[in-house]
Amino acid sequence: MLVYHSKTGQVTQTETRKPEEQEVAWIRLKQPSPDEVKQVLGDMFGCHPLLVEDAVKLNQRPKLDRYKEYVFLSFFASAERDGLKLKEFGIVVGANYVITISQDELPFLDALEEEMKRKEDQMDHSGEILYRIVDRCVDEYSDVVNYYEEQVERLERLVYRNPFTKVTHDIFRYKRRLHHLRRIFVDEKTVLGAVTHQELPFITQEKDVYFIDVYDHLSRVVDSLDLFRESLSSLLELQMAMKSDRMNETMKTLTLISSLFLPLTFIVGLYGMNFRFIPELHWRYGYVYVWVLMTGISIGMYWFYKRKKWM
């Protein structure tokens, strides 16, 4: 664990223990066993059994549970370098300590820990540590926003190039994922709102402004996800409209071609009847006459369609 000594202003790394009165500690439980969580939270810090149970399971939506001398937060963070896979981790905040519990590797916590070793002023209060954790966590969500922005733009380009391209499966898959992410982020907004409004004893009034800033950043993330969901729905509607328009144009072309051949088919059928006496049957230039008639009708119909702007 990392320990900040208020007298010396230095940060040192020691074995896990309960911090003294003049110390502020950050304890990281990385992939701990249930017994280790119970030993640290239950035996060493005397946390409530319900809190210990939540820290062991870590299978719930973001929330804030307030107890007499400490609070428990459930939050989600990027568990991979690409930032697309979110995993839950728990945070226990007391007067002079912060305990994080995670069953997955969280790269942003590793980077934050190294930063705190170099900058001692980031651990002078448990509220400061909590702010650094949630702020860095929310900043990592930008990778999620960038990824889905790129995917929406990619799908838009595909649909514009070819309305019949198969993107429906991707659209619905992204919409389901965005719905899941939005539910997590909205719950986290509720948690941050509770942190700033419940006047927790280990968070100074000066730090409320910083938590409000994190709240605003998370709000922008939620707004971006809402925009992406609307864009995907609109893209699906646009694809259907473009397909329908292309189909209408095709049917229009086929109909015009059929209408051009309809009178020609009538003339050919008329002169193909097996009657003995048919007008023009014995004309010397009857064959040429029929061709001239059919050609004239075709040209006349084409000119009429052009004038009506049907072609």
C-alpha atoms as a PDB file:
ATOM      1  CA  MET A   1       0.000   0.000   0.000  1.00  0.00           C
ATOM      2  CA  LEU A   2       0.993   3.660  -0.438  1.00  0.00           C
ATOM      3  CA  VAL A   3       1.252   5.779   2.704  1.00  0.00           C
ATOM      4  CA  TYR A   4       1.401   9.566   2.806  1.00  0.00           C
ATOM      5  CA  HIS A   5       3.037  10.983   5.941  1.00  0.00           C
ATOM      6  CA  SER A   6       1.523  14.355   6.757  1.00  0.00           C
ATOM      7  CA  LYS A   7       4.486  15.414   8.901  1.00  0.00           C
ATOM      8  CA  THR A   8       7.182  14.719   6.321  1.00  0.00           C
ATOM      9  CA  GLY A   9       5.035  15.097   3.199  1.00  0.00           C
ATOM     10  CA  GLN A  10       6.533  11.922   1.742  1.00  0.00           C
ATOM     11  CA  VAL A  11       4.916   8.866   0.149  1.00  0.00           C
ATOM     12  CA  THR A  12       6.251   5.422   0.946  1.00  0.00           C
ATOM     13  CA  GLN A  13       5.186   1.900   0.032  1.00  0.00           C
ATOM     14  CA  THR A  14       4.703  -0.556   2.883  1.00  0.00           C
ATOM     15  CA  GLU A  15       2.929  -3.790   3.719  1.00  0.00           C
ATOM     16  CA  THR A  16      -0.840  -3.651   4.120  1.00  0.00           C
ATOM     17  CA  ARG A  17      -1.787  -2.330   7.534  1.00  0.00           C
ATOM     18  CA  LYS A  18      -4.136   0.160   9.164  1.00  0.00           C
ATOM     19  CA  PRO A  19      -2.735   3.697   8.791  1.00  0.00           C
ATOM     20  CA  GLU A  20      -1.853   5.735  11.827  1.00  0.00           C
ATOM     21  CA  GLU A  21      -3.473   9.041  12.730  1.00  0.00           C
ATOM     22  CA  GLN A  22      -0.921  11.182  10.846  1.00  0.00           C
ATOM     23  CA  GLU A  23      -1.002   8.982   7.749  1.00  0.00           C
ATOM     24  CA  VAL A  24      -3.193   8.676   4.668  1.00  0.00           C
ATOM     25  CA  ALA A  25      -3.117   5.317   2.927  1.00  0.00           C
ATOM     26  CA  TRP A  26      -4.167   3.884  -0.425  1.00  0.00           C
ATOM     27  CA  ILE A  27      -4.512   0.113  -0.317  1.00  0.00           C
ATOM     28  CA  ARG A  28      -4.938  -1.796  -3.570  1.00  0.00           C
ATOM     29  CA  LEU A  29      -6.375  -5.290  -3.406  1.00  0.00           C
ATOM     30  CA  LYS A  30      -5.616  -6.672  -6.859  1.00  0.00           C
ATOM     31  CA  GLN A  31      -7.379  -9.945  -7.685  1.00  0.00           C
ATOM     32  CA  PRO A  32      -7.761 -10.792  -3.995  1.00  0.00           C
ATOM     33  CA  SER A  33      -9.261 -13.991  -2.669  1.00  0.00           C
ATOM     34  CA  PRO A  34     -12.484 -13.747  -0.621  1.00  0.00           C
ATOM     35  CA  ASP A  35     -10.509 -14.535   2.511  1.00  0.00           C
ATOM     36  CA  GLU A  36      -8.074 -11.705   1.816  1.00  0.00           C
ATOM     37  CA  VAL A  37     -10.928  -9.217   1.315  1.00  0.00           C
ATOM     38  CA  LYS A  38     -12.567 -10.337   4.555  1.00  0.00           C
ATOM     39  CA  GLN A  39      -9.291 -10.146   6.420  1.00  0.00           C
ATOM     40  CA  VAL A  40      -8.456  -6.595   5.254  1.00  0.00           C
ATOM     41  CA  LEU A  41     -11.910  -5.028   5.282  1.00  0.00           C
ATOM     42  CA  GLY A  42     -13.539  -7.024   8.050  1.00  0.00           C
ATOM     43  CA  ASP A  43     -10.759  -7.805  10.506  1.00  0.00           C
ATOM     44  CA  MET A  44      -8.278  -4.983   9.910  1.00  0.00           C
ATOM     45  CA  PHE A  45     -10.663  -2.048   9.246  1.00  0.00           C
ATOM     46  CA  GLY A  46     -13.811  -3.387  10.907  1.00  0.00           C
ATOM     47  CA  CYS A  47     -16.111  -2.734   7.932  1.00  0.00           C
ATOM     48  CA  HIS A  48     -19.765  -3.735   7.950  1.00  0.00           C
ATOM     49  CA  PRO A  49     -20.492  -7.334   6.823  1.00  0.00           C
ATOM     50  CA  LEU A  50     -22.705  -6.054   3.976  1.00  0.00           C
ATOM     51  CA  LEU A  51     -19.852  -3.929   2.692  1.00  0.00           C
ATOM     52  CA  VAL A  52     -17.495  -6.889   2.872  1.00  0.00           C
ATOM     53  CA  GLU A  53     -20.019  -9.021   0.970  1.00  0.00           C
ATOM     54  CA  ASP A  54     -20.344  -6.396  -1.774  1.00  0.00           C
ATOM     55  CA  ALA A  55     -16.556  -6.133  -2.054  1.00  0.00           C
ATOM     56  CA  VAL A  56     -16.230  -9.904  -2.402  1.00  0.00           C
ATOM     57  CA  LYS A  57     -18.929 -10.335  -5.050  1.00  0.00           C
ATOM     58  CA  LEU A  58     -18.468  -7.161  -7.128  1.00  0.00           C
ATOM     59  CA  ASN A  59     -21.481  -8.052  -9.235  1.00  0.00           C
ATOM     60  CA  GLN A  60     -23.777  -5.060  -9.244  1.00  0.00           C
ATOM     61  CA  ARG A  61     -24.492  -1.714 -10.824  1.00  0.00           C
ATOM     62  CA  PRO A  62     -22.629   1.470  -9.759  1.00  0.00           C
ATOM     63  CA  LYS A  63     -23.792   2.622  -6.335  1.00  0.00           C
ATOM     64  CA  LEU A  64     -22.863   4.504  -3.186  1.00  0.00           C
ATOM     65  CA  ASP A  65     -23.442   2.960   0.254  1.00  0.00           C
ATOM     66  CA  ARG A  66     -22.835   5.286   3.190  1.00  0.00           C
ATOM     67  CA  TYR A  67     -21.934   3.959   6.615  1.00  0.00           C
ATOM     68  CA  LYS A  68     -21.067   5.816   9.804  1.00  0.00           C
ATOM     69  CA  GLU A  69     -17.307   6.109   9.343  1.00  0.00           C
ATOM     70  CA  TYR A  70     -16.789   5.126   5.703  1.00  0.00           C
ATOM     71  CA  VAL A  71     -18.529   4.728   2.346  1.00  0.00           C
ATOM     72  CA  PHE A  72     -18.456   2.064  -0.337  1.00  0.00           C
ATOM     73  CA  LEU A  73     -18.555   2.943  -4.037  1.00  0.00           C
ATOM     74  CA  SER A  74     -19.017   0.561  -6.916  1.00  0.00           C
ATOM     75  CA  PHE A  75     -17.550   1.915 -10.154  1.00  0.00           C
ATOM     76  CA  PHE A  76     -16.599   0.656 -13.632  1.00  0.00           C
ATOM     77  CA  ALA A  77     -13.278   1.188 -15.358  1.00  0.00           C
ATOM     78  CA  SER A  78     -11.394   0.144 -18.460  1.00  0.00           C
ATOM     79  CA  ALA A  79      -9.913  -3.292 -17.967  1.00  0.00           C
ATOM     80  CA  GLU A  80      -7.974  -3.349 -21.260  1.00  0.00           C
ATOM     81  CA  ARG A  81      -5.578  -1.022 -23.028  1.00  0.00           C
ATOM     82  CA  ASP A  82      -8.085  -0.253 -25.789  1.00  0.00           C
ATOM     83  CA  GLY A  83     -10.568   0.990 -23.162  1.00  0.00           C
ATOM     84  CA  LEU A  84     -13.516  -0.926 -24.614  1.00  0.00           C
ATOM     85  CA  LYS A  85     -13.999  -3.523 -21.902  1.00  0.00           C
ATOM     86  CA  LEU A  86     -15.369  -2.144 -18.625  1.00  0.00           C
ATOM     87  CA  LYS A  87     -15.052  -4.036 -15.372  1.00  0.00           C
ATOM     88  CA  GLU A  88     -16.374  -3.286 -11.921  1.00  0.00           C
ATOM     89  CA  PHE A  89     -14.170  -2.381  -8.996  1.00  0.00           C
ATOM     90  CA  GLY A  90     -14.969  -1.335  -5.449  1.00  0.00           C
ATOM     91  CA  ILE A  91     -13.751   1.686  -3.476  1.00  0.00           C
ATOM     92  CA  VAL A  92     -13.887   1.974   0.315  1.00  0.00           C
ATOM     93  CA  VAL A  93     -13.227   5.493   1.580  1.00  0.00           C
ATOM     94  CA  GLY A  94     -12.585   6.344   5.204  1.00  0.00           C
ATOM     95  CA  ALA A  95     -11.212   9.309   7.104  1.00  0.00           C
ATOM     96  CA  ASN A  96      -7.567   8.582   6.270  1.00  0.00           C
ATOM     97  CA  TYR A  97      -7.612   5.648   3.873  1.00  0.00           C
ATOM     98  CA  VAL A  98      -8.885   4.491   0.491  1.00  0.00           C
ATOM     99  CA  ILE A  99      -9.141   0.815  -0.400  1.00  0.00           C
ATOM    100  CA  THR A 100      -9.700  -0.327  -3.995  1.00  0.00           C
ATOM    101  CA  ILE A 101     -10.794  -3.885  -4.772  1.00  0.00           C
ATOM    102  CA  SER A 102     -10.604  -5.240  -8.318  1.00  0.00           C
ATOM    103  CA  GLN A 103     -10.678  -8.724  -9.791  1.00  0.00           C
ATOM    104  CA  ASP A 104      -9.260  -7.513 -13.111  1.00  0.00           C
ATOM    105  CA  GLU A 105      -6.140  -5.676 -14.161  1.00  0.00           C
ATOM    106  CA  LEU A 106      -6.902  -1.946 -14.318  1.00  0.00           C
ATOM    107  CA  PRO A 107      -4.100  -0.159 -16.201  1.00  0.00           C
ATOM    108  CA  PHE A 108      -5.225   3.322 -15.206  1.00  0.00           C
ATOM    109  CA  LEU A 109      -4.770   2.470 -11.498  1.00  0.00           C
ATOM    110  CA  ASP A 110      -1.245   1.249 -12.184  1.00  0.00           C
ATOM    111  CA  ALA A 111      -0.428   4.534 -13.906  1.00  0.00           C
ATOM    112  CA  LEU A 112      -2.054   6.532 -11.114  1.00  0.00           C
ATOM    113  CA  GLU A 113      -0.098   4.658  -8.465  1.00  0.00           C
ATOM    114  CA  GLU A 114       3.194   5.440 -10.177  1.00  0.00           C
ATOM    115  CA  GLU A 115       2.174   9.087 -10.462  1.00  0.00           C
ATOM    116  CA  MET A 116       1.346   9.313  -6.760  1.00  0.00           C
ATOM    117  CA  LYS A 117       4.745   7.926  -5.867  1.00  0.00           C
ATOM    118  CA  ARG A 118       6.309  10.889  -7.666  1.00  0.00           C
ATOM    119  CA  LYS A 119       3.823  13.603  -6.606  1.00  0.00           C
ATOM    120  CA  GLU A 120       3.266  13.515  -2.852  1.00  0.00           C
ATOM    121  CA  ASP A 121       0.641  16.300  -2.823  1.00  0.00           C
ATOM    122  CA  GLN A 122      -1.937  13.992  -4.460  1.00  0.00           C
ATOM    123  CA  MET A 123      -2.380  11.917  -1.300  1.00  0.00           C
ATOM    124  CA  ASP A 124      -2.777  14.495   1.448  1.00  0.00           C
ATOM    125  CA  HIS A 125      -6.424  13.530   2.003  1.00  0.00           C
ATOM    126  CA  SER A 126      -8.617  10.500   1.332  1.00  0.00           C
ATOM    127  CA  GLY A 127     -11.018  12.693  -0.645  1.00  0.00           C
ATOM    128  CA  GLU A 128      -8.103  13.726  -2.873  1.00  0.00           C
ATOM    129  CA  ILE A 129      -7.284  10.079  -3.609  1.00  0.00           C
ATOM    130  CA  LEU A 130     -10.918   9.333  -4.413  1.00  0.00           C
ATOM    131  CA  TYR A 131     -11.046  12.289  -6.785  1.00  0.00           C
ATOM    132  CA  ARG A 132      -7.879  11.174  -8.578  1.00  0.00           C
ATOM    133  CA  ILE A 133      -9.301   7.673  -9.039  1.00  0.00           C
ATOM    134  CA  VAL A 134     -12.725   8.637 -10.402  1.00  0.00           C
ATOM    135  CA  ASP A 135     -11.283  11.463 -12.507  1.00  0.00           C
ATOM    136  CA  ARG A 136      -8.753   9.175 -14.191  1.00  0.00           C
ATOM    137  CA  CYS A 137     -11.444   6.517 -14.573  1.00  0.00           C
ATOM    138  CA  VAL A 138     -13.836   8.897 -16.352  1.00  0.00           C
ATOM    139  CA  ASP A 139     -11.031  10.216 -18.552  1.00  0.00           C
ATOM    140  CA  GLU A 140     -10.505   6.660 -19.798  1.00  0.00           C
ATOM    141  CA  TYR A 141     -14.084   6.654 -21.111  1.00  0.00           C
ATOM    142  CA  SER A 142     -12.920   8.900 -23.945  1.00  0.00           C
ATOM    143  CA  ASP A 143     -11.547   5.759 -25.619  1.00  0.00           C
ATOM    144  CA  VAL A 144     -15.059   4.329 -25.633  1.00  0.00           C
ATOM    145  CA  VAL A 145     -16.483   7.518 -27.134  1.00  0.00           C
ATOM    146  CA  ASN A 146     -13.785   7.665 -29.817  1.00  0.00           C
ATOM    147  CA  TYR A 147     -14.261   4.030 -30.755  1.00  0.00           C
ATOM    148  CA  TYR A 148     -18.007   4.264 -31.285  1.00  0.00           C
ATOM    149  CA  GLU A 149     -17.668   7.564 -33.091  1.00  0.00           C
ATOM    150  CA  GLU A 150     -15.333   5.867 -35.568  1.00  0.00           C
ATOM    151  CA  GLN A 151     -17.714   2.915 -35.948  1.00  0.00           C
ATOM    152  CA  VAL A 152     -20.705   5.157 -36.647  1.00  0.00           C
ATOM    153  CA  GLU A 153     -18.737   7.083 -39.270  1.00  0.00           C
ATOM    154  CA  ARG A 154     -17.569   3.816 -40.840  1.00  0.00           C
ATOM    155  CA  LEU A 155     -21.125   2.494 -41.108  1.00  0.00           C
ATOM    156  CA  GLU A 156     -22.308   5.782 -42.584  1.00  0.00           C
ATOM    157  CA  ARG A 157     -19.659   5.591 -45.307  1.00  0.00           C
ATOM    158  CA  LEU A 158     -20.633   2.000 -46.115  1.00  0.00           C
ATOM    159  CA  VAL A 159     -24.318   2.858 -46.418  1.00  0.00           C
ATOM    160  CA  TYR A 160     -23.667   5.912 -48.597  1.00  0.00           C
ATOM    161  CA  ARG A 161     -21.511   3.861 -50.961  1.00  0.00           C
ATOM    162  CA  ASN A 162     -23.917   0.949 -51.175  1.00  0.00           C
ATOM    163  CA  PRO A 163     -27.372   1.045 -49.519  1.00  0.00           C
ATOM    164  CA  PHE A 164     -27.632  -2.737 -49.862  1.00  0.00           C
ATOM    165  CA  THR A 165     -24.531  -3.442 -47.780  1.00  0.00           C
ATOM    166  CA  LYS A 166     -25.206  -5.666 -44.765  1.00  0.00           C
ATOM    167  CA  VAL A 167     -24.799  -3.452 -41.712  1.00  0.00           C
ATOM    168  CA  THR A 168     -28.000  -4.240 -39.821  1.00  0.00           C
ATOM    169  CA  HIS A 169     -26.305  -6.793 -37.572  1.00  0.00           C
ATOM    170  CA  ASP A 170     -23.526  -4.346 -36.633  1.00  0.00           C
ATOM    171  CA  ILE A 171     -26.013  -1.541 -35.977  1.00  0.00           C
ATOM    172  CA  PHE A 172     -28.115  -3.583 -33.575  1.00  0.00           C
ATOM    173  CA  ARG A 173     -25.006  -4.989 -31.880  1.00  0.00           C
ATOM    174  CA  TYR A 174     -23.620  -1.500 -31.288  1.00  0.00           C
ATOM    175  CA  LYS A 175     -26.982  -0.232 -30.068  1.00  0.00           C
ATOM    176  CA  ARG A 176     -27.207  -3.008 -27.474  1.00  0.00           C
ATOM    177  CA  ARG A 177     -23.667  -2.272 -26.312  1.00  0.00           C
ATOM    178  CA  LEU A 178     -24.324   1.466 -26.130  1.00  0.00           C
ATOM    179  CA  HIS A 179     -27.478   0.837 -24.122  1.00  0.00           C
ATOM    180  CA  HIS A 180     -25.480  -1.236 -21.632  1.00  0.00           C
ATOM    181  CA  LEU A 181     -22.747   1.408 -21.358  1.00  0.00           C
ATOM    182  CA  ARG A 182     -25.245   4.218 -20.977  1.00  0.00           C
ATOM    183  CA  ARG A 183     -26.938   2.442 -18.081  1.00  0.00           C
ATOM    184  CA  ILE A 184     -23.580   2.123 -16.315  1.00  0.00           C
ATOM    185  CA  PHE A 185     -22.580   5.744 -16.915  1.00  0.00           C
ATOM    186  CA  VAL A 186     -25.945   7.127 -15.819  1.00  0.00           C
ATOM    187  CA  ASP A 187     -25.683   5.194 -12.551  1.00  0.00           C
ATOM    188  CA  GLU A 188     -22.167   6.538 -12.088  1.00  0.00           C
ATOM    189  CA  LYS A 189     -23.503  10.062 -12.567  1.00  0.00           C
ATOM    190  CA  THR A 190     -25.932   9.350  -9.736  1.00  0.00           C
ATOM    191  CA  VAL A 191     -23.037   8.163  -7.570  1.00  0.00           C
ATOM    192  CA  LEU A 192     -20.972  11.291  -8.265  1.00  0.00           C
ATOM    193  CA  GLY A 193     -24.000  13.466  -7.628  1.00  0.00           C
ATOM    194  CA  ALA A 194     -24.458  11.786  -4.258  1.00  0.00           C
ATOM    195  CA  VAL A 195     -20.788  12.335  -3.413  1.00  0.00           C
ATOM    196  CA  THR A 196     -21.092  16.081  -4.025  1.00  0.00           C
ATOM    197  CA  HIS A 197     -24.440  16.540  -2.244  1.00  0.00           C
ATOM    198  CA  GLN A 198     -24.200  14.298   0.803  1.00  0.00           C
ATOM    199  CA  GLU A 199     -21.377  16.323   2.379  1.00  0.00           C
ATOM    200  CA  LEU A 200     -19.201  13.347   3.223  1.00  0.00           C
ATOM    201  CA  PRO A 201     -16.867  14.152   6.127  1.00  0.00           C
ATOM    202  CA  PHE A 202     -13.699  13.059   4.318  1.00  0.00           C
ATOM    203  CA  ILE A 203     -14.371  15.261   1.273  1.00  0.00           C
ATOM    204  CA  THR A 204     -13.636  18.937   1.791  1.00  0.00           C
ATOM    205  CA  GLN A 205     -15.780  21.657   0.286  1.00  0.00           C
ATOM    206  CA  GLU A 206     -12.904  22.676  -1.953  1.00  0.00           C
ATOM    207  CA  LYS A 207     -12.929  19.209  -3.525  1.00  0.00           C
ATOM    208  CA  ASP A 208     -16.657  19.378  -4.310  1.00  0.00           C
ATOM    209  CA  VAL A 209     -15.810  21.597  -7.264  1.00  0.00           C
ATOM    210  CA  TYR A 210     -13.501  18.920  -8.665  1.00  0.00           C
ATOM    211  CA  PHE A 211     -16.111  16.188  -8.284  1.00  0.00           C
ATOM    212  CA  ILE A 212     -18.632  18.419 -10.059  1.00  0.00           C
ATOM    213  CA  ASP A 213     -16.119  18.747 -12.896  1.00  0.00           C
ATOM    214  CA  VAL A 214     -15.875  14.950 -13.148  1.00  0.00           C
ATOM    215  CA  TYR A 215     -19.680  14.832 -13.115  1.00  0.00           C
ATOM    216  CA  ASP A 216     -19.751  17.222 -16.080  1.00  0.00           C
ATOM    217  CA  HIS A 217     -17.242  15.109 -17.994  1.00  0.00           C
ATOM    218  CA  LEU A 218     -19.350  12.017 -17.417  1.00  0.00           C
ATOM    219  CA  SER A 219     -22.449  13.913 -18.538  1.00  0.00           C
ATOM    220  CA  ARG A 220     -20.737  14.685 -21.832  1.00  0.00           C
ATOM    221  CA  VAL A 221     -19.901  11.009 -22.251  1.00  0.00           C
ATOM    222  CA  VAL A 222     -23.556  10.074 -21.719  1.00  0.00           C
ATOM    223  CA  ASP A 223     -24.631  12.759 -24.202  1.00  0.00           C
ATOM    224  CA  SER A 224     -22.202  11.355 -26.760  1.00  0.00           C
ATOM    225  CA  LEU A 225     -23.580   7.837 -26.322  1.00  0.00           C
ATOM    226  CA  ASP A 226     -27.122   9.154 -26.759  1.00  0.00           C
ATOM    227  CA  LEU A 227     -26.017  10.894 -29.954  1.00  0.00           C
ATOM    228  CA  PHE A 228     -24.439   7.683 -31.264  1.00  0.00           C
ATOM    229  CA  ARG A 229     -27.605   5.705 -30.537  1.00  0.00           C
ATOM    230  CA  GLU A 230     -29.706   8.256 -32.382  1.00  0.00           C
ATOM    231  CA  SER A 231     -27.240   8.248 -35.276  1.00  0.00           C
ATOM    232  CA  LEU A 232     -27.413   4.457 -35.544  1.00  0.00           C
ATOM    233  CA  SER A 233     -31.213   4.518 -35.538  1.00  0.00           C
ATOM    234  CA  SER A 234     -31.212   7.269 -38.158  1.00  0.00           C
ATOM    235  CA  LEU A 235     -28.657   5.350 -40.204  1.00  0.00           C
ATOM    236  CA  LEU A 236     -30.890   2.287 -40.210  1.00  0.00           C
ATOM    237  CA  GLU A 237     -33.841   4.394 -41.346  1.00  0.00           C
ATOM    238  CA  LEU A 238     -31.667   6.065 -43.976  1.00  0.00           C
ATOM    239  CA  GLN A 239     -30.568   2.711 -45.343  1.00  0.00           C
ATOM    240  CA  MET A 240     -34.179   1.542 -45.613  1.00  0.00           C
ATOM    241  CA  ALA A 241     -35.146   4.795 -47.351  1.00  0.00           C
ATOM    242  CA  MET A 242     -32.220   4.544 -49.790  1.00  0.00           C
ATOM    243  CA  LYS A 243     -33.071   0.905 -50.518  1.00  0.00           C
ATOM    244  CA  SER A 244     -36.672   1.874 -51.155  1.00  0.00           C
ATOM    245  CA  ASP A 245     -35.601   4.754 -53.392  1.00  0.00           C
ATOM    246  CA  ARG A 246     -33.263   2.509 -55.391  1.00  0.00           C
ATOM    247  CA  MET A 247     -36.035  -0.073 -55.714  1.00  0.00           C
ATOM    248  CA  ASN A 248     -38.497   2.572 -56.872  1.00  0.00           C
ATOM    249  CA  GLU A 249     -36.050   3.775 -59.505  1.00  0.00           C
ATOM    250  CA  THR A 250     -35.532   0.212 -60.711  1.00  0.00           C
ATOM    251  CA  MET A 251     -39.256  -0.464 -60.866  1.00  0.00           C
ATOM    252  CA  LYS A 252     -39.784   2.839 -62.689  1.00  0.00           C
ATOM    253  CA  THR A 253     -37.184   1.937 -65.305  1.00  0.00           C
ATOM    254  CA  LEU A 254     -38.658  -1.531 -65.822  1.00  0.00           C
ATOM    255  CA  THR A 255     -42.159  -0.094 -66.071  1.00  0.00           C
ATOM    256  CA  LEU A 256     -41.110   2.442 -68.715  1.00  0.00           C
ATOM    257  CA  ILE A 257     -39.338  -0.228 -70.735  1.00  0.00           C
ATOM    258  CA  SER A 258     -42.394  -2.471 -70.512  1.00  0.00           C
ATOM    259  CA  SER A 259     -44.671   0.376 -71.576  1.00  0.00           C
ATOM    260  CA  LEU A 260     -42.465   0.999 -74.621  1.00  0.00           C
ATOM    261  CA  PHE A 261     -42.801  -2.597 -75.732  1.00  0.00           C
ATOM    262  CA  LEU A 262     -46.498  -2.907 -74.932  1.00  0.00           C
ATOM    263  CA  PRO A 263     -47.847  -1.242 -78.142  1.00  0.00           C
ATOM    264  CA  LEU A 264     -45.183  -3.022 -80.182  1.00  0.00           C
ATOM    265  CA  THR A 265     -46.329  -6.329 -78.783  1.00  0.00           C
ATOM    266  CA  PHE A 266     -49.907  -5.396 -79.683  1.00  0.00           C
ATOM    267  CA  ILE A 267     -48.985  -4.591 -83.302  1.00  0.00           C
ATOM    268  CA  VAL A 268     -46.964  -7.791 -83.721  1.00  0.00           C
ATOM    269  CA  GLY A 269     -49.774  -9.813 -82.198  1.00  0.00           C
ATOM    270  CA  LEU A 270     -52.349  -8.114 -84.430  1.00  0.00           C
ATOM    271  CA  TYR A 271     -50.486  -8.912 -87.638  1.00  0.00           C
ATOM    272  CA  GLY A 272     -49.706 -12.374 -86.412  1.00  0.00           C
ATOM    273  CA  MET A 273     -53.368 -13.462 -86.309  1.00  0.00           C
ATOM    274  CA  ASN A 274     -54.257 -16.392 -88.616  1.00  0.00           C
ATOM    275  CA  PHE A 275     -57.034 -14.786 -90.668  1.00  0.00           C
ATOM    276  CA  ARG A 276     -57.223 -15.078 -94.431  1.00  0.00           C
ATOM    277  CA  PHE A 277     -58.197 -11.488 -95.054  1.00  0.00           C
ATOM    278  CA  ILE A 278     -56.133  -8.953 -93.117  1.00  0.00           C
ATOM    279  CA  PRO A 279     -55.654  -5.333 -94.217  1.00  0.00           C
ATOM    280  CA  GLU A 280     -52.203  -4.635 -95.659  1.00  0.00           C
ATOM    281  CA  LEU A 281     -51.526  -8.378 -95.810  1.00  0.00           C
ATOM    282  CA  HIS A 282     -50.579  -8.364 -99.455  1.00  0.00           C
ATOM    283  CA  TRP A 283     -48.809  -4.990 -99.516  1.00  0.00           C
ATOM    284  CA  ARG A 284     -45.444  -5.118-101.206  1.00  0.00           C
ATOM    285  CA  TYR A 285     -43.889  -2.918 -98.487  1.00  0.00           C
ATOM    286  CA  GLY A 286     -46.039  -4.152 -95.601  1.00  0.00           C
ATOM    287  CA  TYR A 287     -43.020  -5.425 -93.609  1.00  0.00           C
ATOM    288  CA  VAL A 288     -41.262  -2.068 -93.887  1.00  0.00           C
ATOM    289  CA  TYR A 289     -44.503  -0.321 -92.989  1.00  0.00           C
ATOM    290  CA  VAL A 290     -44.828  -2.285 -89.760  1.00  0.00           C
ATOM    291  CA  TRP A 291     -41.243  -1.489 -88.800  1.00  0.00           C
ATOM    292  CA  VAL A 292     -41.729   2.189 -89.501  1.00  0.00           C
ATOM    293  CA  LEU A 293     -44.960   2.160 -87.473  1.00  0.00           C
ATOM    294  CA  MET A 294     -43.354   0.471 -84.480  1.00  0.00           C
ATOM    295  CA  THR A 295     -40.281   2.706 -84.624  1.00  0.00           C
ATOM    296  CA  GLY A 296     -42.424   5.820 -84.821  1.00  0.00           C
ATOM    297  CA  ILE A 297     -44.531   4.737 -81.856  1.00  0.00           C
ATOM    298  CA  SER A 298     -41.386   3.990 -79.808  1.00  0.00           C
ATOM    299  CA  ILE A 299     -39.827   7.358 -80.631  1.00  0.00           C
ATOM    300  CA  GLY A 300     -43.071   9.162 -79.874  1.00  0.00           C
ATOM    301  CA  MET A 301     -43.465   7.461 -76.499  1.00  0.00           C
ATOM    302  CA  TYR A 302     -39.815   8.135 -75.613  1.00  0.00           C
ATOM    303  CA  TRP A 303     -40.270  11.825 -76.495  1.00  0.00           C
ATOM    304  CA  PHE A 304     -43.457  11.972 -74.422  1.00  0.00           C
ATOM    305  CA  TYR A 305     -41.738  10.393 -71.383  1.00  0.00           C
ATOM    306  CA  LYS A 306     -38.825  12.797 -71.699  1.00  0.00           C
ATOM    307  CA  ARG A 307     -41.169  15.759 -71.888  1.00  0.00           C
ATOM    308  CA  LYS A 308     -42.948  14.581 -68.739  1.00  0.00           C
ATOM    309  CA  LYS A 309     -39.509  14.028 -67.109  1.00  0.00           C
ATOM    310  CA  TRP A 310     -40.339  10.431 -66.386  1.00  0.00           C
ATOM    311  CA  MET A 311     -36.980   9.350 -67.800  1.00  0.00           C
END
